[in-house]
Amino acid sequence: MGLFSFILFLLIGLVAGWLTGKIVRGKGFGLVANLVIGVVGSFLGGLVFRFVGFYSSGLIAEIIVAVVGSILLLFLIGMIKKK
């Protein structure tokens, strides 16, 4: 993974975290939290989508996968916190 790929990965995570904050809370979570939620969500989304046979290609698809994974991450955290 080159430096450009790593920076792009972080930017996708940041955008995904921000979008997730807008969808779930109506506002963002803050810069660092957006980045963490987006990056972890990107991994989770990638695993889930690959499991069902969907492989993303392109920037928009990567952001969608990361947002879906981030929403799923927040849902799972919410389920754990309730217990």
PDB file of N, CA and C in Angstrom:
ATOM      1  N   MET A   1       0.853  -1.162   0.000  1.00  0.00           N
ATOM      2  CA  MET A   1       0.000   0.000   0.000  1.00  0.00           C
ATOM      3  C   MET A   1       0.905   1.233   0.000  1.00  0.00           C
ATOM      4  N   GLY A   2       0.766   2.034  -1.022  1.00  0.00           N
ATOM      5  CA  GLY A   2       1.564   3.249  -1.117  1.00  0.00           C
ATOM      6  C   GLY A   2       0.988   4.371  -0.265  1.00  0.00           C
ATOM      7  N   LEU A   3       1.725   5.437  -0.190  1.00  0.00           N
ATOM      8  CA  LEU A   3       1.300   6.581   0.604  1.00  0.00           C
ATOM      9  C   LEU A   3      -0.006   7.166   0.076  1.00  0.00           C
ATOM     10  N   PHE A   4      -0.142   7.272  -1.238  1.00  0.00           N
ATOM     11  CA  PHE A   4      -1.375   7.806  -1.826  1.00  0.00           C
ATOM     12  C   PHE A   4      -2.564   6.919  -1.489  1.00  0.00           C
ATOM     13  N   SER A   5      -2.393   5.620  -1.583  1.00  0.00           N
ATOM     14  CA  SER A   5      -3.475   4.687  -1.256  1.00  0.00           C
ATOM     15  C   SER A   5      -3.883   4.804   0.205  1.00  0.00           C
ATOM     16  N   PHE A   6      -2.902   4.960   1.091  1.00  0.00           N
ATOM     17  CA  PHE A   6      -3.180   5.096   2.509  1.00  0.00           C
ATOM     18  C   PHE A   6      -3.940   6.393   2.794  1.00  0.00           C
ATOM     19  N   ILE A   7      -3.517   7.481   2.182  1.00  0.00           N
ATOM     20  CA  ILE A   7      -4.207   8.762   2.360  1.00  0.00           C
ATOM     21  C   ILE A   7      -5.622   8.679   1.812  1.00  0.00           C
ATOM     22  N   LEU A   8      -5.794   8.048   0.654  1.00  0.00           N
ATOM     23  CA  LEU A   8      -7.129   7.878   0.073  1.00  0.00           C
ATOM     24  C   LEU A   8      -8.010   7.033   0.988  1.00  0.00           C
ATOM     25  N   PHE A   9      -7.447   5.981   1.567  1.00  0.00           N
ATOM     26  CA  PHE A   9      -8.179   5.130   2.503  1.00  0.00           C
ATOM     27  C   PHE A   9      -8.652   5.938   3.711  1.00  0.00           C
ATOM     28  N   LEU A  10      -7.776   6.783   4.252  1.00  0.00           N
ATOM     29  CA  LEU A  10      -8.151   7.622   5.386  1.00  0.00           C
ATOM     30  C   LEU A  10      -9.213   8.645   4.993  1.00  0.00           C
ATOM     31  N   LEU A  11      -9.106   9.220   3.814  1.00  0.00           N
ATOM     32  CA  LEU A  11     -10.113  10.184   3.358  1.00  0.00           C
ATOM     33  C   LEU A  11     -11.474   9.524   3.159  1.00  0.00           C
ATOM     34  N   ILE A  12     -11.478   8.317   2.613  1.00  0.00           N
ATOM     35  CA  ILE A  12     -12.742   7.576   2.466  1.00  0.00           C
ATOM     36  C   ILE A  12     -13.322   7.292   3.848  1.00  0.00           C
ATOM     37  N   GLY A  13     -12.486   6.901   4.790  1.00  0.00           N
ATOM     38  CA  GLY A  13     -12.950   6.664   6.153  1.00  0.00           C
ATOM     39  C   GLY A  13     -13.518   7.914   6.789  1.00  0.00           C
ATOM     40  N   LEU A  14     -12.866   9.038   6.578  1.00  0.00           N
ATOM     41  CA  LEU A  14     -13.339  10.305   7.127  1.00  0.00           C
ATOM     42  C   LEU A  14     -14.689  10.698   6.532  1.00  0.00           C
ATOM     43  N   VAL A  15     -14.821  10.582   5.219  1.00  0.00           N
ATOM     44  CA  VAL A  15     -16.092  10.896   4.556  1.00  0.00           C
ATOM     45  C   VAL A  15     -17.185   9.939   5.022  1.00  0.00           C
ATOM     46  N   ALA A  16     -16.859   8.663   5.107  1.00  0.00           N
ATOM     47  CA  ALA A  16     -17.847   7.668   5.541  1.00  0.00           C
ATOM     48  C   ALA A  16     -18.287   7.923   6.977  1.00  0.00           C
ATOM     49  N   GLY A  17     -17.350   8.249   7.848  1.00  0.00           N
ATOM     50  CA  GLY A  17     -17.693   8.552   9.237  1.00  0.00           C
ATOM     51  C   GLY A  17     -18.559   9.787   9.342  1.00  0.00           C
ATOM     52  N   TRP A  18     -18.246  10.815   8.560  1.00  0.00           N
ATOM     53  CA  TRP A  18     -19.037  12.044   8.558  1.00  0.00           C
ATOM     54  C   TRP A  18     -20.452  11.762   8.052  1.00  0.00           C
ATOM     55  N   LEU A  19     -20.556  11.031   6.938  1.00  0.00           N
ATOM     56  CA  LEU A  19     -21.878  10.686   6.394  1.00  0.00           C
ATOM     57  C   LEU A  19     -22.680   9.840   7.384  1.00  0.00           C
ATOM     58  N   THR A  20     -22.021   8.911   8.038  1.00  0.00           N
ATOM     59  CA  THR A  20     -22.693   8.080   9.038  1.00  0.00           C
ATOM     60  C   THR A  20     -23.203   8.941  10.183  1.00  0.00           C
ATOM     61  N   GLY A  21     -22.396   9.897  10.624  1.00  0.00           N
ATOM     62  CA  GLY A  21     -22.834  10.817  11.668  1.00  0.00           C
ATOM     63  C   GLY A  21     -24.054  11.607  11.246  1.00  0.00           C
ATOM     64  N   LYS A  22     -24.090  12.034   9.996  1.00  0.00           N
ATOM     65  CA  LYS A  22     -25.249  12.775   9.477  1.00  0.00           C
ATOM     66  C   LYS A  22     -26.483  11.879   9.419  1.00  0.00           C
ATOM     67  N   ILE A  23     -26.307  10.637   9.024  1.00  0.00           N
ATOM     68  CA  ILE A  23     -27.438   9.710   8.883  1.00  0.00           C
ATOM     69  C   ILE A  23     -27.959   9.283  10.247  1.00  0.00           C
ATOM     70  N   VAL A  24     -27.073   8.935  11.152  1.00  0.00           N
ATOM     71  CA  VAL A  24     -27.463   8.349  12.433  1.00  0.00           C
ATOM     72  C   VAL A  24     -27.830   9.411  13.469  1.00  0.00           C
ATOM     73  N   ARG A  25     -27.046  10.461  13.579  1.00  0.00           N
ATOM     74  CA  ARG A  25     -27.240  11.450  14.633  1.00  0.00           C
ATOM     75  C   ARG A  25     -27.744  12.789  14.133  1.00  0.00           C
ATOM     76  N   GLY A  26     -27.637  13.056  12.858  1.00  0.00           N
ATOM     77  CA  GLY A  26     -28.007  14.354  12.330  1.00  0.00           C
ATOM     78  C   GLY A  26     -26.862  15.339  12.361  1.00  0.00           C
ATOM     79  N   LYS A  27     -25.747  14.958  12.970  1.00  0.00           N
ATOM     80  CA  LYS A  27     -24.523  15.760  12.970  1.00  0.00           C
ATOM     81  C   LYS A  27     -23.348  14.798  13.060  1.00  0.00           C
ATOM     82  N   GLY A  28     -22.162  15.292  12.834  1.00  0.00           N
ATOM     83  CA  GLY A  28     -20.983  14.435  12.887  1.00  0.00           C
ATOM     84  C   GLY A  28     -20.602  14.087  14.310  1.00  0.00           C
ATOM     85  N   PHE A  29     -19.588  13.248  14.444  1.00  0.00           N
ATOM     86  CA  PHE A  29     -19.093  12.823  15.750  1.00  0.00           C
ATOM     87  C   PHE A  29     -17.824  13.570  16.143  1.00  0.00           C
ATOM     88  N   GLY A  30     -17.285  14.374  15.270  1.00  0.00           N
ATOM     89  CA  GLY A  30     -15.993  15.022  15.487  1.00  0.00           C
ATOM     90  C   GLY A  30     -14.971  14.398  14.552  1.00  0.00           C
ATOM     91  N   LEU A  31     -13.911  15.127  14.266  1.00  0.00           N
ATOM     92  CA  LEU A  31     -12.942  14.697  13.261  1.00  0.00           C
ATOM     93  C   LEU A  31     -12.331  13.330  13.553  1.00  0.00           C
ATOM     94  N   VAL A  32     -11.809  13.141  14.740  1.00  0.00           N
ATOM     95  CA  VAL A  32     -11.140  11.878  15.078  1.00  0.00           C
ATOM     96  C   VAL A  32     -12.144  10.736  15.139  1.00  0.00           C
ATOM     97  N   ALA A  33     -13.292  10.960  15.773  1.00  0.00           N
ATOM     98  CA  ALA A  33     -14.311   9.901  15.862  1.00  0.00           C
ATOM     99  C   ALA A  33     -14.837   9.545  14.481  1.00  0.00           C
ATOM    100  N   ASN A  34     -15.059  10.537  13.610  1.00  0.00           N
ATOM    101  CA  ASN A  34     -15.485  10.258  12.245  1.00  0.00           C
ATOM    102  C   ASN A  34     -14.484   9.371  11.532  1.00  0.00           C
ATOM    103  N   LEU A  35     -13.205   9.678  11.696  1.00  0.00           N
ATOM    104  CA  LEU A  35     -12.149   8.903  11.048  1.00  0.00           C
ATOM    105  C   LEU A  35     -12.135   7.469  11.555  1.00  0.00           C
ATOM    106  N   VAL A  36     -12.197   7.292  12.861  1.00  0.00           N
ATOM    107  CA  VAL A  36     -12.160   5.951  13.447  1.00  0.00           C
ATOM    108  C   VAL A  36     -13.394   5.143  13.034  1.00  0.00           C
ATOM    109  N   ILE A  37     -14.560   5.743  13.165  1.00  0.00           N
ATOM    110  CA  ILE A  37     -15.795   5.049  12.788  1.00  0.00           C
ATOM    111  C   ILE A  37     -15.779   4.697  11.306  1.00  0.00           C
ATOM    112  N   GLY A  38     -15.338   5.616  10.475  1.00  0.00           N
ATOM    113  CA  GLY A  38     -15.297   5.361   9.033  1.00  0.00           C
ATOM    114  C   GLY A  38     -14.304   4.291   8.643  1.00  0.00           C
ATOM    115  N   VAL A  39     -13.109   4.308   9.242  1.00  0.00           N
ATOM    116  CA  VAL A  39     -12.081   3.320   8.895  1.00  0.00           C
ATOM    117  C   VAL A  39     -12.491   1.925   9.369  1.00  0.00           C
ATOM    118  N   VAL A  40     -12.940   1.817  10.616  1.00  0.00           N
ATOM    119  CA  VAL A  40     -13.387   0.515  11.122  1.00  0.00           C
ATOM    120  C   VAL A  40     -14.617   0.049  10.342  1.00  0.00           C
ATOM    121  N   GLY A  41     -15.519   0.970  10.061  1.00  0.00           N
ATOM    122  CA  GLY A  41     -16.704   0.634   9.266  1.00  0.00           C
ATOM    123  C   GLY A  41     -16.346   0.188   7.864  1.00  0.00           C
ATOM    124  N   SER A  42     -15.304   0.765   7.312  1.00  0.00           N
ATOM    125  CA  SER A  42     -14.846   0.366   5.984  1.00  0.00           C
ATOM    126  C   SER A  42     -14.388  -1.090   5.974  1.00  0.00           C
ATOM    127  N   PHE A  43     -13.626  -1.467   6.991  1.00  0.00           N
ATOM    128  CA  PHE A  43     -13.213  -2.870   7.115  1.00  0.00           C
ATOM    129  C   PHE A  43     -14.433  -3.784   7.280  1.00  0.00           C
ATOM    130  N   LEU A  44     -15.312  -3.414   8.183  1.00  0.00           N
ATOM    131  CA  LEU A  44     -16.503  -4.220   8.452  1.00  0.00           C
ATOM    132  C   LEU A  44     -17.390  -4.322   7.214  1.00  0.00           C
ATOM    133  N   GLY A  45     -17.615  -3.197   6.560  1.00  0.00           N
ATOM    134  CA  GLY A  45     -18.427  -3.197   5.343  1.00  0.00           C
ATOM    135  C   GLY A  45     -17.811  -4.050   4.251  1.00  0.00           C
ATOM    136  N   GLY A  46     -16.496  -3.950   4.102  1.00  0.00           N
ATOM    137  CA  GLY A  46     -15.804  -4.767   3.109  1.00  0.00           C
ATOM    138  C   GLY A  46     -15.972  -6.253   3.375  1.00  0.00           C
ATOM    139  N   LEU A  47     -15.862  -6.651   4.640  1.00  0.00           N
ATOM    140  CA  LEU A  47     -16.044  -8.064   4.993  1.00  0.00           C
ATOM    141  C   LEU A  47     -17.465  -8.536   4.710  1.00  0.00           C
ATOM    142  N   VAL A  48     -18.433  -7.729   5.129  1.00  0.00           N
ATOM    143  CA  VAL A  48     -19.842  -8.114   4.949  1.00  0.00           C
ATOM    144  C   VAL A  48     -20.198  -8.199   3.466  1.00  0.00           C
ATOM    145  N   PHE A  49     -19.804  -7.185   2.699  1.00  0.00           N
ATOM    146  CA  PHE A  49     -20.144  -7.180   1.272  1.00  0.00           C
ATOM    147  C   PHE A  49     -19.443  -8.309   0.529  1.00  0.00           C
ATOM    148  N   ARG A  50     -18.198  -8.604   0.878  1.00  0.00           N
ATOM    149  CA  ARG A  50     -17.507  -9.723   0.226  1.00  0.00           C
ATOM    150  C   ARG A  50     -18.153 -11.056   0.585  1.00  0.00           C
ATOM    151  N   PHE A  51     -18.641 -11.156   1.827  1.00  0.00           N
ATOM    152  CA  PHE A  51     -19.307 -12.383   2.270  1.00  0.00           C
ATOM    153  C   PHE A  51     -20.547 -12.671   1.429  1.00  0.00           C
ATOM    154  N   VAL A  52     -21.275 -11.626   1.044  1.00  0.00           N
ATOM    155  CA  VAL A  52     -22.479 -11.823   0.227  1.00  0.00           C
ATOM    156  C   VAL A  52     -22.170 -11.784  -1.265  1.00  0.00           C
ATOM    157  N   GLY A  53     -20.895 -11.629  -1.641  1.00  0.00           N
ATOM    158  CA  GLY A  53     -20.508 -11.720  -3.041  1.00  0.00           C
ATOM    159  C   GLY A  53     -20.448 -10.406  -3.794  1.00  0.00           C
ATOM    160  N   PHE A  54     -20.434  -9.277  -3.098  1.00  0.00           N
ATOM    161  CA  PHE A  54     -20.359  -7.974  -3.753  1.00  0.00           C
ATOM    162  C   PHE A  54     -18.960  -7.417  -3.574  1.00  0.00           C
ATOM    163  N   TYR A  55     -18.343  -7.034  -4.668  1.00  0.00           N
ATOM    164  CA  TYR A  55     -17.013  -6.440  -4.633  1.00  0.00           C
ATOM    165  C   TYR A  55     -17.118  -5.027  -5.188  1.00  0.00           C
ATOM    166  N   SER A  56     -16.737  -4.057  -4.375  1.00  0.00           N
ATOM    167  CA  SER A  56     -16.864  -2.660  -4.784  1.00  0.00           C
ATOM    168  C   SER A  56     -15.722  -2.266  -5.708  1.00  0.00           C
ATOM    169  N   SER A  57     -16.056  -1.404  -6.637  1.00  0.00           N
ATOM    170  CA  SER A  57     -15.062  -0.896  -7.566  1.00  0.00           C
ATOM    171  C   SER A  57     -15.369   0.573  -7.823  1.00  0.00           C
ATOM    172  N   GLY A  58     -14.457   1.418  -7.487  1.00  0.00           N
ATOM    173  CA  GLY A  58     -14.648   2.843  -7.684  1.00  0.00           C
ATOM    174  C   GLY A  58     -14.841   3.572  -6.367  1.00  0.00           C
ATOM    175  N   LEU A  59     -14.611   4.852  -6.404  1.00  0.00           N
ATOM    176  CA  LEU A  59     -14.638   5.679  -5.205  1.00  0.00           C
ATOM    177  C   LEU A  59     -16.016   5.725  -4.556  1.00  0.00           C
ATOM    178  N   ILE A  60     -17.048   5.935  -5.335  1.00  0.00           N
ATOM    179  CA  ILE A  60     -18.407   6.031  -4.787  1.00  0.00           C
ATOM    180  C   ILE A  60     -18.817   4.715  -4.141  1.00  0.00           C
ATOM    181  N   ALA A  61     -18.509   3.606  -4.796  1.00  0.00           N
ATOM    182  CA  ALA A  61     -18.848   2.289  -4.238  1.00  0.00           C
ATOM    183  C   ALA A  61     -18.095   2.045  -2.934  1.00  0.00           C
ATOM    184  N   GLU A  62     -16.837   2.456  -2.877  1.00  0.00           N
ATOM    185  CA  GLU A  62     -16.050   2.292  -1.648  1.00  0.00           C
ATOM    186  C   GLU A  62     -16.649   3.109  -0.504  1.00  0.00           C
ATOM    187  N   ILE A  63     -17.093   4.320  -0.807  1.00  0.00           N
ATOM    188  CA  ILE A  63     -17.717   5.161   0.220  1.00  0.00           C
ATOM    189  C   ILE A  63     -19.025   4.547   0.690  1.00  0.00           C
ATOM    190  N   ILE A  64     -19.825   4.021  -0.224  1.00  0.00           N
ATOM    191  CA  ILE A  64     -21.094   3.385   0.151  1.00  0.00           C
ATOM    192  C   ILE A  64     -20.841   2.184   1.051  1.00  0.00           C
ATOM    193  N   VAL A  65     -19.887   1.349   0.682  1.00  0.00           N
ATOM    194  CA  VAL A  65     -19.544   0.176   1.499  1.00  0.00           C
ATOM    195  C   VAL A  65     -19.079   0.622   2.883  1.00  0.00           C
ATOM    196  N   ALA A  66     -18.259   1.664   2.945  1.00  0.00           N
ATOM    197  CA  ALA A  66     -17.761   2.154   4.228  1.00  0.00           C
ATOM    198  C   ALA A  66     -18.890   2.731   5.085  1.00  0.00           C
ATOM    199  N   VAL A  67     -19.825   3.445   4.469  1.00  0.00           N
ATOM    200  CA  VAL A  67     -20.957   4.012   5.211  1.00  0.00           C
ATOM    201  C   VAL A  67     -21.848   2.894   5.757  1.00  0.00           C
ATOM    202  N   VAL A  68     -22.152   1.918   4.934  1.00  0.00           N
ATOM    203  CA  VAL A  68     -22.974   0.792   5.396  1.00  0.00           C
ATOM    204  C   VAL A  68     -22.270   0.064   6.541  1.00  0.00           C
ATOM    205  N   GLY A  69     -20.971  -0.163   6.400  1.00  0.00           N
ATOM    206  CA  GLY A  69     -20.210  -0.807   7.462  1.00  0.00           C
ATOM    207  C   GLY A  69     -20.175   0.031   8.732  1.00  0.00           C
ATOM    208  N   SER A  70     -20.085   1.349   8.595  1.00  0.00           N
ATOM    209  CA  SER A  70     -20.066   2.237   9.757  1.00  0.00           C
ATOM    210  C   SER A  70     -21.402   2.243  10.479  1.00  0.00           C
ATOM    211  N   ILE A  71     -22.487   2.244   9.719  1.00  0.00           N
ATOM    212  CA  ILE A  71     -23.816   2.177  10.329  1.00  0.00           C
ATOM    213  C   ILE A  71     -23.978   0.850  11.053  1.00  0.00           C
ATOM    214  N   LEU A  72     -23.528  -0.233  10.437  1.00  0.00           N
ATOM    215  CA  LEU A  72     -23.580  -1.545  11.077  1.00  0.00           C
ATOM    216  C   LEU A  72     -22.737  -1.557  12.349  1.00  0.00           C
ATOM    217  N   LEU A  73     -21.574  -0.935  12.308  1.00  0.00           N
ATOM    218  CA  LEU A  73     -20.708  -0.842  13.486  1.00  0.00           C
ATOM    219  C   LEU A  73     -21.416  -0.120  14.625  1.00  0.00           C
ATOM    220  N   LEU A  74     -22.025   1.017  14.346  1.00  0.00           N
ATOM    221  CA  LEU A  74     -22.731   1.760  15.385  1.00  0.00           C
ATOM    222  C   LEU A  74     -23.922   0.983  15.927  1.00  0.00           C
ATOM    223  N   PHE A  75     -24.594   0.241  15.048  1.00  0.00           N
ATOM    224  CA  PHE A  75     -25.706  -0.604  15.479  1.00  0.00           C
ATOM    225  C   PHE A  75     -25.215  -1.682  16.447  1.00  0.00           C
ATOM    226  N   LEU A  76     -24.102  -2.331  16.091  1.00  0.00           N
ATOM    227  CA  LEU A  76     -23.548  -3.386  16.958  1.00  0.00           C
ATOM    228  C   LEU A  76     -23.074  -2.814  18.285  1.00  0.00           C
ATOM    229  N   ILE A  77     -22.444  -1.643  18.261  1.00  0.00           N
ATOM    230  CA  ILE A  77     -22.023  -1.006  19.509  1.00  0.00           C
ATOM    231  C   ILE A  77     -23.229  -0.674  20.366  1.00  0.00           C
ATOM    232  N   GLY A  78     -24.300  -0.192  19.754  1.00  0.00           N
ATOM    233  CA  GLY A  78     -25.531   0.105  20.482  1.00  0.00           C
ATOM    234  C   GLY A  78     -26.131  -1.145  21.112  1.00  0.00           C
ATOM    235  N   MET A  79     -26.080  -2.257  20.411  1.00  0.00           N
ATOM    236  CA  MET A  79     -26.600  -3.513  20.941  1.00  0.00           C
ATOM    237  C   MET A  79     -25.770  -3.968  22.145  1.00  0.00           C
ATOM    238  N   ILE A  80     -24.464  -3.822  22.065  1.00  0.00           N
ATOM    239  CA  ILE A  80     -23.582  -4.228  23.161  1.00  0.00           C
ATOM    240  C   ILE A  80     -23.789  -3.330  24.370  1.00  0.00           C
ATOM    241  N   LYS A  81     -23.955  -2.029  24.153  1.00  0.00           N
ATOM    242  CA  LYS A  81     -24.132  -1.089  25.255  1.00  0.00           C
ATOM    243  C   LYS A  81     -25.449  -1.331  26.004  1.00  0.00           C
ATOM    244  N   LYS A  82     -26.476  -1.798  25.299  1.00  0.00           N
ATOM    245  CA  LYS A  82     -27.775  -2.048  25.934  1.00  0.00           C
ATOM    246  C   LYS A  82     -27.727  -3.220  26.903  1.00  0.00           C
ATOM    247  N   LYS A  83     -26.799  -4.127  26.680  1.00  0.00           N
ATOM    248  CA  LYS A  83     -26.720  -5.321  27.526  1.00  0.00           C
ATOM    249  C   LYS A  83     -26.012  -5.079  28.792  1.00  0.00           C
TER     250      LYS A  83
END
